[in-house]
Amino acid sequence: MGFRCHRHGGNVTASHCAVNFLAPAQGNLFVARAHVVKASRRQVFVDAQLMAERADSSAVVATGNTVLVPLSAA
């Protein structure tokens, strides 16, 4: 999630992070997608999903959200 946030202000640190494990992660390929819900000068809210891909199907196996705080340039 921090990589997605990097576009919105450089280096960040997490002030909150939660992960919900929905199903066993079984698959041939795993794809993580994150998007910025809201970005301000002091906080960036990010949601993410982890998908397990198989030859014939895909399923969400985990979700997460975090609040990131941009770090000042030193």
PDB file of N, CA and C in Angstrom:
ATOM      1  N   MET A   1       0.810  -1.180   0.000  1.00  0.00           N
ATOM      2  CA  MET A   1       0.000   0.000   0.000  1.00  0.00           C
ATOM      3  C   MET A   1       0.858   1.250   0.000  1.00  0.00           C
ATOM      4  N   GLY A   2       2.009   1.170   0.620  1.00  0.00           N
ATOM      5  CA  GLY A   2       2.898   2.320   0.635  1.00  0.00           C
ATOM      6  C   GLY A   2       3.443   2.657  -0.741  1.00  0.00           C
ATOM      7  N   PHE A   3       3.634   1.639  -1.591  1.00  0.00           N
ATOM      8  CA  PHE A   3       4.112   1.896  -2.943  1.00  0.00           C
ATOM      9  C   PHE A   3       3.091   2.715  -3.726  1.00  0.00           C
ATOM     10  N   ARG A   4       1.811   2.406  -3.552  1.00  0.00           N
ATOM     11  CA  ARG A   4       0.753   3.138  -4.237  1.00  0.00           C
ATOM     12  C   ARG A   4       0.719   4.583  -3.752  1.00  0.00           C
ATOM     13  N   CYS A   5       1.004   4.791  -2.497  1.00  0.00           N
ATOM     14  CA  CYS A   5       0.954   6.124  -1.901  1.00  0.00           C
ATOM     15  C   CYS A   5       2.170   6.968  -2.293  1.00  0.00           C
ATOM     16  N   HIS A   6       3.245   6.341  -2.696  1.00  0.00           N
ATOM     17  CA  HIS A   6       4.485   7.059  -3.004  1.00  0.00           C
ATOM     18  C   HIS A   6       4.255   8.181  -4.022  1.00  0.00           C
ATOM     19  N   ARG A   7       3.325   7.992  -4.940  1.00  0.00           N
ATOM     20  CA  ARG A   7       3.002   9.015  -5.932  1.00  0.00           C
ATOM     21  C   ARG A   7       2.397  10.262  -5.300  1.00  0.00           C
ATOM     22  N   HIS A   8       1.822  10.118  -4.109  1.00  0.00           N
ATOM     23  CA  HIS A   8       1.099  11.224  -3.476  1.00  0.00           C
ATOM     24  C   HIS A   8       1.913  11.936  -2.410  1.00  0.00           C
ATOM     25  N   GLY A   9       3.221  11.876  -2.493  1.00  0.00           N
ATOM     26  CA  GLY A   9       3.970  12.662  -1.528  1.00  0.00           C
ATOM     27  C   GLY A   9       5.291  12.071  -1.101  1.00  0.00           C
ATOM     28  N   GLY A  10       5.815  11.087  -1.778  1.00  0.00           N
ATOM     29  CA  GLY A  10       7.124  10.562  -1.426  1.00  0.00           C
ATOM     30  C   GLY A  10       7.071   9.536  -0.314  1.00  0.00           C
ATOM     31  N   ASN A  11       8.033   9.599   0.587  1.00  0.00           N
ATOM     32  CA  ASN A  11       8.143   8.612   1.660  1.00  0.00           C
ATOM     33  C   ASN A  11       7.016   8.771   2.669  1.00  0.00           C
ATOM     34  N   VAL A  12       6.547   7.629   3.171  1.00  0.00           N
ATOM     35  CA  VAL A  12       5.443   7.611   4.127  1.00  0.00           C
ATOM     36  C   VAL A  12       5.728   6.617   5.245  1.00  0.00           C
ATOM     37  N   THR A  13       4.991   6.752   6.322  1.00  0.00           N
ATOM     38  CA  THR A  13       4.979   5.757   7.389  1.00  0.00           C
ATOM     39  C   THR A  13       3.515   5.455   7.713  1.00  0.00           C
ATOM     40  N   ALA A  14       3.246   4.261   8.218  1.00  0.00           N
ATOM     41  CA  ALA A  14       1.868   3.863   8.509  1.00  0.00           C
ATOM     42  C   ALA A  14       1.492   4.250   9.931  1.00  0.00           C
ATOM     43  N   SER A  15       0.345   4.902  10.062  1.00  0.00           N
ATOM     44  CA  SER A  15      -0.175   5.186  11.403  1.00  0.00           C
ATOM     45  C   SER A  15      -1.264   4.190  11.783  1.00  0.00           C
ATOM     46  N   HIS A  16      -1.795   3.475  10.794  1.00  0.00           N
ATOM     47  CA  HIS A  16      -2.798   2.425  11.031  1.00  0.00           C
ATOM     48  C   HIS A  16      -2.724   1.442   9.874  1.00  0.00           C
ATOM     49  N   CYS A  17      -2.854   0.158  10.181  1.00  0.00           N
ATOM     50  CA  CYS A  17      -2.855  -0.855   9.138  1.00  0.00           C
ATOM     51  C   CYS A  17      -3.714  -2.030   9.612  1.00  0.00           C
ATOM     52  N   ALA A  18      -4.660  -2.470   8.758  1.00  0.00           N
ATOM     53  CA  ALA A  18      -5.519  -3.602   9.093  1.00  0.00           C
ATOM     54  C   ALA A  18      -5.613  -4.534   7.890  1.00  0.00           C
ATOM     55  N   VAL A  19      -5.569  -5.838   8.154  1.00  0.00           N
ATOM     56  CA  VAL A  19      -5.686  -6.843   7.105  1.00  0.00           C
ATOM     57  C   VAL A  19      -6.795  -7.811   7.500  1.00  0.00           C
ATOM     58  N   ASN A  20      -7.678  -8.120   6.550  1.00  0.00           N
ATOM     59  CA  ASN A  20      -8.743  -9.101   6.752  1.00  0.00           C
ATOM     60  C   ASN A  20      -8.466 -10.296   5.858  1.00  0.00           C
ATOM     61  N   PHE A  21      -8.222 -11.443   6.460  1.00  0.00           N
ATOM     62  CA  PHE A  21      -7.977 -12.671   5.715  1.00  0.00           C
ATOM     63  C   PHE A  21      -9.324 -13.345   5.487  1.00  0.00           C
ATOM     64  N   LEU A  22      -9.724 -13.462   4.224  1.00  0.00           N
ATOM     65  CA  LEU A  22     -11.052 -13.952   3.888  1.00  0.00           C
ATOM     66  C   LEU A  22     -11.082 -15.427   3.527  1.00  0.00           C
ATOM     67  N   ALA A  23     -10.006 -15.959   2.983  1.00  0.00           N
ATOM     68  CA  ALA A  23      -9.961 -17.349   2.531  1.00  0.00           C
ATOM     69  C   ALA A  23      -8.509 -17.790   2.458  1.00  0.00           C
ATOM     70  N   PRO A  24      -8.269 -19.117   2.448  1.00  0.00           N
ATOM     71  CA  PRO A  24      -6.900 -19.595   2.266  1.00  0.00           C
ATOM     72  C   PRO A  24      -6.350 -19.107   0.918  1.00  0.00           C
ATOM     73  N   ALA A  25      -5.119 -18.667   0.907  1.00  0.00           N
ATOM     74  CA  ALA A  25      -4.507 -18.144  -0.315  1.00  0.00           C
ATOM     75  C   ALA A  25      -3.949 -19.294  -1.137  1.00  0.00           C
ATOM     76  N   GLN A  26      -4.780 -19.862  -1.978  1.00  0.00           N
ATOM     77  CA  GLN A  26      -4.384 -20.965  -2.849  1.00  0.00           C
ATOM     78  C   GLN A  26      -4.574 -20.541  -4.286  1.00  0.00           C
ATOM     79  N   GLY A  27      -3.522 -20.619  -5.077  1.00  0.00           N
ATOM     80  CA  GLY A  27      -3.608 -20.236  -6.472  1.00  0.00           C
ATOM     81  C   GLY A  27      -2.259 -20.335  -7.150  1.00  0.00           C
ATOM     82  N   ASN A  28      -2.264 -20.083  -8.445  1.00  0.00           N
ATOM     83  CA  ASN A  28      -1.030 -20.127  -9.228  1.00  0.00           C
ATOM     84  C   ASN A  28      -0.351 -18.768  -9.291  1.00  0.00           C
ATOM     85  N   LEU A  29      -1.144 -17.725  -9.136  1.00  0.00           N
ATOM     86  CA  LEU A  29      -0.651 -16.363  -9.233  1.00  0.00           C
ATOM     87  C   LEU A  29      -1.428 -15.494  -8.243  1.00  0.00           C
ATOM     88  N   PHE A  30      -0.744 -14.550  -7.635  1.00  0.00           N
ATOM     89  CA  PHE A  30      -1.388 -13.635  -6.700  1.00  0.00           C
ATOM     90  C   PHE A  30      -1.221 -12.209  -7.208  1.00  0.00           C
ATOM     91  N   VAL A  31      -2.305 -11.461  -7.201  1.00  0.00           N
ATOM     92  CA  VAL A  31      -2.288 -10.089  -7.691  1.00  0.00           C
ATOM     93  C   VAL A  31      -2.790  -9.178  -6.577  1.00  0.00           C
ATOM     94  N   ALA A  32      -1.984  -8.189  -6.232  1.00  0.00           N
ATOM     95  CA  ALA A  32      -2.376  -7.204  -5.221  1.00  0.00           C
ATOM     96  C   ALA A  32      -2.700  -5.897  -5.923  1.00  0.00           C
ATOM     97  N   ARG A  33      -3.824  -5.312  -5.577  1.00  0.00           N
ATOM     98  CA  ARG A  33      -4.240  -4.029  -6.131  1.00  0.00           C
ATOM     99  C   ARG A  33      -4.559  -3.073  -4.982  1.00  0.00           C
ATOM    100  N   ALA A  34      -4.074  -1.863  -5.105  1.00  0.00           N
ATOM    101  CA  ALA A  34      -4.336  -0.850  -4.083  1.00  0.00           C
ATOM    102  C   ALA A  34      -4.767   0.439  -4.762  1.00  0.00           C
ATOM    103  N   HIS A  35      -5.590   1.189  -4.067  1.00  0.00           N
ATOM    104  CA  HIS A  35      -5.963   2.505  -4.588  1.00  0.00           C
ATOM    105  C   HIS A  35      -6.083   3.497  -3.445  1.00  0.00           C
ATOM    106  N   VAL A  36      -5.736   4.714  -3.762  1.00  0.00           N
ATOM    107  CA  VAL A  36      -5.820   5.797  -2.784  1.00  0.00           C
ATOM    108  C   VAL A  36      -7.268   6.255  -2.710  1.00  0.00           C
ATOM    109  N   VAL A  37      -7.842   6.160  -1.522  1.00  0.00           N
ATOM    110  CA  VAL A  37      -9.217   6.593  -1.298  1.00  0.00           C
ATOM    111  C   VAL A  37      -9.268   8.110  -1.167  1.00  0.00           C
ATOM    112  N   LYS A  38      -8.353   8.653  -0.362  1.00  0.00           N
ATOM    113  CA  LYS A  38      -8.281  10.104  -0.172  1.00  0.00           C
ATOM    114  C   LYS A  38      -6.859  10.467   0.235  1.00  0.00           C
ATOM    115  N   ALA A  39      -6.359  11.532  -0.338  1.00  0.00           N
ATOM    116  CA  ALA A  39      -5.023  12.017   0.011  1.00  0.00           C
ATOM    117  C   ALA A  39      -5.114  13.484   0.408  1.00  0.00           C
ATOM    118  N   SER A  40      -4.516  13.792   1.547  1.00  0.00           N
ATOM    119  CA  SER A  40      -4.406  15.180   1.976  1.00  0.00           C
ATOM    120  C   SER A  40      -2.944  15.443   2.333  1.00  0.00           C
ATOM    121  N   ARG A  41      -2.656  16.622   2.821  1.00  0.00           N
ATOM    122  CA  ARG A  41      -1.268  16.928   3.182  1.00  0.00           C
ATOM    123  C   ARG A  41      -0.781  16.091   4.353  1.00  0.00           C
ATOM    124  N   ARG A  42      -1.671  15.713   5.258  1.00  0.00           N
ATOM    125  CA  ARG A  42      -1.257  15.027   6.489  1.00  0.00           C
ATOM    126  C   ARG A  42      -1.525  13.542   6.513  1.00  0.00           C
ATOM    127  N   GLN A  43      -2.474  13.051   5.724  1.00  0.00           N
ATOM    128  CA  GLN A  43      -2.811  11.633   5.742  1.00  0.00           C
ATOM    129  C   GLN A  43      -3.198  11.168   4.345  1.00  0.00           C
ATOM    130  N   VAL A  44      -2.928   9.873   4.098  1.00  0.00           N
ATOM    131  CA  VAL A  44      -3.359   9.244   2.855  1.00  0.00           C
ATOM    132  C   VAL A  44      -4.057   7.940   3.234  1.00  0.00           C
ATOM    133  N   PHE A  45      -5.299   7.783   2.788  1.00  0.00           N
ATOM    134  CA  PHE A  45      -6.091   6.589   3.082  1.00  0.00           C
ATOM    135  C   PHE A  45      -6.035   5.665   1.869  1.00  0.00           C
ATOM    136  N   VAL A  46      -5.657   4.406   2.110  1.00  0.00           N
ATOM    137  CA  VAL A  46      -5.462   3.450   1.018  1.00  0.00           C
ATOM    138  C   VAL A  46      -6.209   2.155   1.324  1.00  0.00           C
ATOM    139  N   ASP A  47      -6.875   1.605   0.303  1.00  0.00           N
ATOM    140  CA  ASP A  47      -7.513   0.285   0.382  1.00  0.00           C
ATOM    141  C   ASP A  47      -6.793  -0.658  -0.567  1.00  0.00           C
ATOM    142  N   ALA A  48      -6.781  -1.957  -0.232  1.00  0.00           N
ATOM    143  CA  ALA A  48      -6.112  -2.947  -1.074  1.00  0.00           C
ATOM    144  C   ALA A  48      -6.867  -4.266  -1.060  1.00  0.00           C
ATOM    145  N   GLN A  49      -6.651  -5.046  -2.123  1.00  0.00           N
ATOM    146  CA  GLN A  49      -7.198  -6.402  -2.233  1.00  0.00           C
ATOM    147  C   GLN A  49      -6.099  -7.330  -2.726  1.00  0.00           C
ATOM    148  N   LEU A  50      -6.101  -8.552  -2.234  1.00  0.00           N
ATOM    149  CA  LEU A  50      -5.209  -9.596  -2.734  1.00  0.00           C
ATOM    150  C   LEU A  50      -6.069 -10.649  -3.408  1.00  0.00           C
ATOM    151  N   MET A  51      -5.794 -10.900  -4.689  1.00  0.00           N
ATOM    152  CA  MET A  51      -6.544 -11.879  -5.469  1.00  0.00           C
ATOM    153  C   MET A  51      -5.683 -13.123  -5.684  1.00  0.00           C
ATOM    154  N   ALA A  52      -6.286 -14.301  -5.539  1.00  0.00           N
ATOM    155  CA  ALA A  52      -5.637 -15.568  -5.875  1.00  0.00           C
ATOM    156  C   ALA A  52      -6.186 -15.996  -7.231  1.00  0.00           C
ATOM    157  N   GLU A  53      -5.299 -16.124  -8.216  1.00  0.00           N
ATOM    158  CA  GLU A  53      -5.690 -16.473  -9.582  1.00  0.00           C
ATOM    159  C   GLU A  53      -5.383 -17.945  -9.829  1.00  0.00           C
ATOM    160  N   ARG A  54      -6.342 -18.621 -10.431  1.00  0.00           N
ATOM    161  CA  ARG A  54      -6.158 -19.991 -10.906  1.00  0.00           C
ATOM    162  C   ARG A  54      -6.456 -20.022 -12.390  1.00  0.00           C
ATOM    163  N   ALA A  55      -6.233 -21.152 -13.024  1.00  0.00           N
ATOM    164  CA  ALA A  55      -6.476 -21.260 -14.464  1.00  0.00           C
ATOM    165  C   ALA A  55      -7.936 -20.981 -14.804  1.00  0.00           C
ATOM    166  N   ASP A  56      -8.865 -21.399 -13.949  1.00  0.00           N
ATOM    167  CA  ASP A  56     -10.283 -21.281 -14.274  1.00  0.00           C
ATOM    168  C   ASP A  56     -11.051 -20.262 -13.427  1.00  0.00           C
ATOM    169  N   SER A  57     -10.426 -19.655 -12.421  1.00  0.00           N
ATOM    170  CA  SER A  57     -11.154 -18.718 -11.564  1.00  0.00           C
ATOM    171  C   SER A  57     -10.197 -17.805 -10.802  1.00  0.00           C
ATOM    172  N   SER A  58     -10.783 -16.803 -10.168  1.00  0.00           N
ATOM    173  CA  SER A  58     -10.019 -15.936  -9.272  1.00  0.00           C
ATOM    174  C   SER A  58     -10.908 -15.593  -8.088  1.00  0.00           C
ATOM    175  N   ALA A  59     -10.275 -15.297  -6.965  1.00  0.00           N
ATOM    176  CA  ALA A  59     -11.034 -14.994  -5.756  1.00  0.00           C
ATOM    177  C   ALA A  59     -10.248 -14.009  -4.894  1.00  0.00           C
ATOM    178  N   VAL A  60     -10.980 -13.141  -4.213  1.00  0.00           N
ATOM    179  CA  VAL A  60     -10.359 -12.239  -3.242  1.00  0.00           C
ATOM    180  C   VAL A  60     -10.058 -13.061  -1.990  1.00  0.00           C
ATOM    181  N   VAL A  61      -8.797 -13.075  -1.571  1.00  0.00           N
ATOM    182  CA  VAL A  61      -8.422 -13.849  -0.385  1.00  0.00           C
ATOM    183  C   VAL A  61      -8.068 -12.963   0.806  1.00  0.00           C
ATOM    184  N   ALA A  62      -7.837 -11.667   0.556  1.00  0.00           N
ATOM    185  CA  ALA A  62      -7.542 -10.747   1.660  1.00  0.00           C
ATOM    186  C   ALA A  62      -7.848  -9.316   1.221  1.00  0.00           C
ATOM    187  N   THR A  63      -8.241  -8.508   2.189  1.00  0.00           N
ATOM    188  CA  THR A  63      -8.419  -7.076   1.963  1.00  0.00           C
ATOM    189  C   THR A  63      -7.657  -6.334   3.046  1.00  0.00           C
ATOM    190  N   GLY A  64      -7.389  -5.093   2.806  1.00  0.00           N
ATOM    191  CA  GLY A  64      -6.696  -4.317   3.815  1.00  0.00           C
ATOM    192  C   GLY A  64      -6.920  -2.838   3.621  1.00  0.00           C
ATOM    193  N   ASN A  65      -6.654  -2.108   4.673  1.00  0.00           N
ATOM    194  CA  ASN A  65      -6.681  -0.651   4.576  1.00  0.00           C
ATOM    195  C   ASN A  65      -5.621  -0.094   5.503  1.00  0.00           C
ATOM    196  N   THR A  66      -5.143   1.053   5.151  1.00  0.00           N
ATOM    197  CA  THR A  66      -4.118   1.690   5.955  1.00  0.00           C
ATOM    198  C   THR A  66      -4.247   3.198   5.878  1.00  0.00           C
ATOM    199  N   VAL A  67      -3.738   3.855   6.888  1.00  0.00           N
ATOM    200  CA  VAL A  67      -3.630   5.305   6.909  1.00  0.00           C
ATOM    201  C   VAL A  67      -2.140   5.588   6.929  1.00  0.00           C
ATOM    202  N   LEU A  68      -1.675   6.300   5.910  1.00  0.00           N
ATOM    203  CA  LEU A  68      -0.266   6.609   5.779  1.00  0.00           C
ATOM    204  C   LEU A  68      -0.036   8.088   6.039  1.00  0.00           C
ATOM    205  N   VAL A  69       1.111   8.398   6.653  1.00  0.00           N
ATOM    206  CA  VAL A  69       1.468   9.775   6.971  1.00  0.00           C
ATOM    207  C   VAL A  69       2.714  10.120   6.163  1.00  0.00           C
ATOM    208  N   PRO A  70       2.622  11.107   5.276  1.00  0.00           N
ATOM    209  CA  PRO A  70       3.817  11.527   4.515  1.00  0.00           C
ATOM    210  C   PRO A  70       4.897  12.052   5.450  1.00  0.00           C
ATOM    211  N   LEU A  71       6.147  11.680   5.157  1.00  0.00           N
ATOM    212  CA  LEU A  71       7.286  12.130   5.937  1.00  0.00           C
ATOM    213  C   LEU A  71       7.851  13.400   5.301  1.00  0.00           C
ATOM    214  N   SER A  72       8.285  14.327   6.132  1.00  0.00           N
ATOM    215  CA  SER A  72       8.884  15.566   5.632  1.00  0.00           C
ATOM    216  C   SER A  72      10.250  15.271   5.059  1.00  0.00           C
ATOM    217  N   ALA A  73      10.613  15.974   4.026  1.00  0.00           N
ATOM    218  CA  ALA A  73      11.963  15.839   3.471  1.00  0.00           C
ATOM    219  C   ALA A  73      12.946  16.492   4.433  1.00  0.00           C
ATOM    220  N   ALA A  74      14.012  15.754   4.726  1.00  0.00           N
ATOM    221  CA  ALA A  74      14.988  16.283   5.699  1.00  0.00           C
ATOM    222  C   ALA A  74      16.060  17.075   5.010  1.00  0.00           C
TER     223      ALA A  74
END
